[in-house]
Structure formats: structure tokens, C-alpha cells
Amino acid sequence: MLKEDLITIAEYLYGDTWQTSYIAYDLEIGTRTVRAWLTGTPIKASIAKDICKLVRKKQKAFRDLEKILKKYE
């Protein structure tokens, strides 16, 4: 995964003011690792898969939230 893709994903998941601690917490890794990726350390394929799983988990949560919100439209 490219660091640009990681940044885009993080911005969608956590907003424009996201911090490395947010994605580190969700991936159960250290913030130093995330900062290393942002400075050019390659992101391993296994981590990219974990990020994909995280996005899918968040998507499911938003679908569930959408069901709740429809009651108030």
C-alpha cells in the first residue's frame, strides 16, 4: 500500500484532522509504526489486508448506523 493511499483512507475514516494514534489504535500497533509509514517505510501486504478489514468493519458500522438514522428522516 502506498502512503498516499493510507493517508486517503485515514482521512475518510477519521476526518481531515486524523492523527496516527487513531489508526494505530484500530490496528493495534504502535504510533511509531504509522509515523514510519508516513515517512516512507513500506507498508507490508499483511498490514494492507488489515487496513482493508478495518475499512470493511467501519463500513458495516455505518450501514448499521444508517438503519438507525432512517427512523428520524
Protein backbone atom coordinates (compact mmCIF):
# COMPACT_ATOMS: atom_id res chain seq x y z
CA MET A 1 0.00 0.00 0.00
CA LEU A 2 1.22 3.47 -0.83
CA LYS A 3 1.46 6.04 1.93
CA GLU A 4 -0.81 8.31 -0.13
CA ASP A 5 -3.47 5.60 -0.04
CA LEU A 6 -3.03 5.24 3.72
CA ILE A 7 -3.50 8.99 4.15
CA THR A 8 -6.64 8.98 1.99
CA ILE A 9 -8.11 6.05 3.91
CA ALA A 10 -7.29 7.65 7.26
CA GLU A 11 -8.89 10.93 6.20
CA TYR A 12 -12.09 9.14 5.21
CA LEU A 13 -12.19 7.08 8.40
CA TYR A 14 -11.17 9.75 10.91
CA GLY A 15 -11.58 13.12 9.20
CA ASP A 16 -9.14 15.69 7.89
CA THR A 17 -7.51 16.17 11.29
CA TRP A 18 -6.78 12.48 11.88
CA GLN A 19 -3.80 11.50 13.98
CA THR A 20 -1.54 8.49 13.74
CA SER A 21 -2.86 7.30 17.09
CA TYR A 22 -6.34 6.76 15.65
CA ILE A 23 -5.35 4.21 13.03
CA ALA A 24 -2.66 2.75 15.28
CA TYR A 25 -5.27 2.07 17.94
CA ASP A 26 -7.64 0.40 15.48
CA LEU A 27 -4.85 -1.74 14.02
CA GLU A 28 -3.42 -2.49 17.47
CA ILE A 29 0.05 -1.26 16.55
CA GLY A 30 2.33 1.49 17.76
CA THR A 31 2.08 5.07 16.55
CA ARG A 32 5.79 4.96 15.69
CA THR A 33 4.99 2.34 13.05
CA VAL A 34 2.34 4.54 11.45
CA ARG A 35 4.68 7.54 11.51
CA ALA A 36 7.35 5.39 9.84
CA TRP A 37 4.93 4.54 7.04
CA LEU A 38 4.23 8.24 6.54
CA THR A 39 7.93 8.91 6.11
CA GLY A 40 8.35 6.20 3.50
CA THR A 41 8.77 2.86 5.28
CA PRO A 42 6.95 0.30 3.12
CA ILE A 43 3.57 -0.92 4.34
CA LYS A 44 3.57 -4.71 4.26
CA ALA A 45 0.90 -6.60 2.33
CA SER A 46 -0.35 -8.18 5.57
CA ILE A 47 -0.90 -4.72 7.07
CA ALA A 48 -2.66 -3.57 3.90
CA LYS A 49 -5.02 -6.51 4.35
CA ASP A 50 -5.60 -5.50 7.97
CA ILE A 51 -6.41 -1.96 6.80
CA CYS A 52 -8.91 -3.41 4.29
CA LYS A 53 -10.54 -5.39 7.10
CA LEU A 54 -10.70 -2.25 9.21
CA VAL A 55 -12.40 -0.31 6.40
CA ARG A 56 -14.94 -3.10 5.92
CA LYS A 57 -15.63 -3.17 9.66
CA LYS A 58 -16.23 0.59 9.66
CA GLN A 59 -18.45 0.27 6.56
CA LYS A 60 -20.62 -2.27 8.37
CA ALA A 61 -20.86 0.03 11.38
CA PHE A 62 -22.00 2.89 9.14
CA ARG A 63 -24.60 0.67 7.46
CA ASP A 64 -25.93 -0.21 10.90
CA LEU A 65 -25.94 3.45 11.85
CA GLU A 66 -27.82 4.29 8.65
CA LYS A 67 -30.64 1.96 9.73
CA ILE A 68 -30.97 3.86 12.98
CA LEU A 69 -30.87 7.26 11.28
CA LYS A 70 -33.62 6.35 8.81
CA LYS A 71 -36.06 6.34 11.71
CA TYR A 72 -35.54 10.09 12.06
CA GLU A 73 -35.85 11.22 8.46
